[in-house]
Amino acid sequence: MAKKTNMKSVRLSDQVMDYVINFEGEGFNQKFENLVLFCMEQEESKKQRIALLDQQIARQYKKLYALQQLSSKIGDVRRALTHLEWRTNDLSGLLDELLEDKDADPKLPFS
């Protein structure tokens, strides 16, 4: 362990004091130092984990965007097909009318 040459006095809230006291170590100074060292050791791995999670989130957003684009295109096709169905039904109705008129007038060119 490094030589301890820094003498400092700190003021702590009861909440922080309780946290330090409950950390591993023999006395307040050792507990406080162990806590700081623990945080220092964890900081880099947490930063790496956060970076990894940020990358995963970015990939998921790209997938979500692609799915939204696909869903939009599917919606466009669905609307076009529905419109085509309506036009087909209109055309069918017109053909039915023409065929009815053909029966009434044999001169019409539908046979």
Protein backbone atom coordinates (compact mmCIF):
# COMPACT_ATOMS: atom_id res chain seq x y z
CA MET A 1 0.00 0.00 0.00
CA ALA A 2 1.22 3.53 -0.73
CA LYS A 3 2.73 5.72 1.95
CA LYS A 4 0.06 7.89 3.54
CA THR A 5 1.40 11.44 3.61
CA ASN A 6 -1.86 13.36 3.21
CA MET A 7 -3.59 14.44 6.37
CA LYS A 8 -7.05 15.86 5.75
CA SER A 9 -10.10 16.62 7.79
CA VAL A 10 -13.53 16.05 6.23
CA ARG A 11 -17.07 16.78 7.26
CA LEU A 12 -19.62 14.07 6.45
CA SER A 13 -23.36 13.77 6.65
CA ASP A 14 -24.77 11.01 8.86
CA GLN A 15 -25.78 9.09 5.72
CA VAL A 16 -22.24 9.14 4.27
CA MET A 17 -20.70 8.38 7.67
CA ASP A 18 -22.95 5.30 8.05
CA TYR A 19 -22.00 4.13 4.56
CA VAL A 20 -18.26 4.48 5.23
CA ILE A 21 -18.53 2.81 8.64
CA ASN A 22 -20.31 -0.18 7.09
CA PHE A 23 -17.58 -0.67 4.46
CA GLU A 24 -14.84 -3.26 5.01
CA GLY A 25 -11.80 -2.19 6.99
CA GLU A 26 -10.55 -1.84 10.52
CA GLY A 27 -10.90 1.84 11.27
CA PHE A 28 -12.51 4.86 9.69
CA ASN A 29 -9.40 5.81 7.70
CA GLN A 30 -8.97 2.29 6.29
CA LYS A 31 -12.70 1.96 5.53
CA PHE A 32 -12.71 5.32 3.76
CA GLU A 33 -9.62 4.45 1.72
CA ASN A 34 -11.01 0.99 0.86
CA LEU A 35 -14.25 2.60 -0.29
CA VAL A 36 -12.45 5.10 -2.52
CA LEU A 37 -10.16 2.41 -3.96
CA PHE A 38 -13.17 0.17 -4.61
CA CYS A 39 -14.91 3.00 -6.46
CA MET A 40 -11.77 3.70 -8.48
CA GLU A 41 -11.48 0.04 -9.47
CA GLN A 42 -15.15 -0.18 -10.43
CA GLU A 43 -15.20 3.08 -12.38
CA GLU A 44 -13.36 1.78 -15.47
CA SER A 45 -15.37 -1.44 -15.72
CA LYS A 46 -18.60 0.53 -15.30
CA LYS A 47 -17.53 2.95 -18.04
CA GLN A 48 -16.76 0.01 -20.33
CA ARG A 49 -20.13 -1.59 -19.51
CA ILE A 50 -21.93 1.68 -20.18
CA ALA A 51 -20.13 2.04 -23.53
CA LEU A 52 -21.15 -1.52 -24.45
CA LEU A 53 -24.75 -0.86 -23.44
CA ASP A 54 -24.75 2.41 -25.41
CA GLN A 55 -23.61 0.46 -28.50
CA GLN A 56 -26.36 -2.11 -27.97
CA ILE A 57 -28.93 0.65 -27.56
CA ALA A 58 -27.73 2.31 -30.77
CA ARG A 59 -28.05 -1.01 -32.65
CA GLN A 60 -31.54 -1.54 -31.24
CA TYR A 61 -32.58 1.97 -32.31
CA LYS A 62 -31.33 1.21 -35.83
CA LYS A 63 -33.37 -2.01 -35.86
CA LEU A 64 -36.40 -0.17 -34.53
CA TYR A 65 -36.04 2.52 -37.20
CA ALA A 66 -35.76 -0.15 -39.93
CA LEU A 67 -38.86 -1.90 -38.57
CA GLN A 68 -40.76 1.40 -38.46
CA GLN A 69 -39.78 2.07 -42.08
CA LEU A 70 -40.88 -1.43 -43.09
CA SER A 71 -44.14 -1.04 -41.17
CA SER A 72 -44.77 2.25 -42.95
CA LYS A 73 -44.17 0.64 -46.35
CA ILE A 74 -46.45 -2.26 -45.45
CA GLY A 75 -49.11 0.25 -44.45
CA ASP A 76 -48.69 2.02 -47.80
CA VAL A 77 -49.07 -1.28 -49.69
CA ARG A 78 -52.08 -2.22 -47.58
CA ARG A 79 -53.77 1.11 -48.36
CA ALA A 80 -52.96 0.71 -52.06
CA LEU A 81 -54.41 -2.82 -52.08
CA THR A 82 -57.53 -1.63 -50.28
CA HIS A 83 -57.91 1.17 -52.83
CA LEU A 84 -57.38 -1.34 -55.65
CA GLU A 85 -60.02 -3.60 -54.12
CA TRP A 86 -62.50 -0.70 -54.06
CA ARG A 87 -61.70 0.14 -57.71
CA THR A 88 -62.07 -3.54 -58.66
CA ASN A 89 -65.44 -3.67 -56.93
CA ASP A 90 -66.49 -0.49 -58.78
CA LEU A 91 -65.37 -2.01 -62.08
CA SER A 92 -67.18 -5.25 -61.32
CA GLY A 93 -70.33 -3.30 -60.59
CA LEU A 94 -70.03 -1.39 -63.87
CA LEU A 95 -69.48 -4.62 -65.80
CA ASP A 96 -72.55 -6.11 -64.15
CA GLU A 97 -74.56 -3.07 -65.24
CA LEU A 98 -73.23 -3.37 -68.80
CA LEU A 99 -74.11 -7.04 -68.91
CA GLU A 100 -77.61 -6.28 -67.62
CA ASP A 101 -77.95 -3.61 -70.31
CA LYS A 102 -76.72 -6.15 -72.92
CA ASP A 103 -79.59 -8.45 -72.04
CA ALA A 104 -81.96 -5.56 -72.49
CA ASP A 105 -80.34 -4.44 -75.82
CA PRO A 106 -78.88 -7.25 -77.94
CA LYS A 107 -77.08 -4.74 -80.16
CA LEU A 108 -74.46 -4.05 -77.45
CA PRO A 109 -71.09 -5.71 -78.31
CA PHE A 110 -70.97 -8.09 -75.34
CA SER A 111 -71.77 -11.70 -76.00
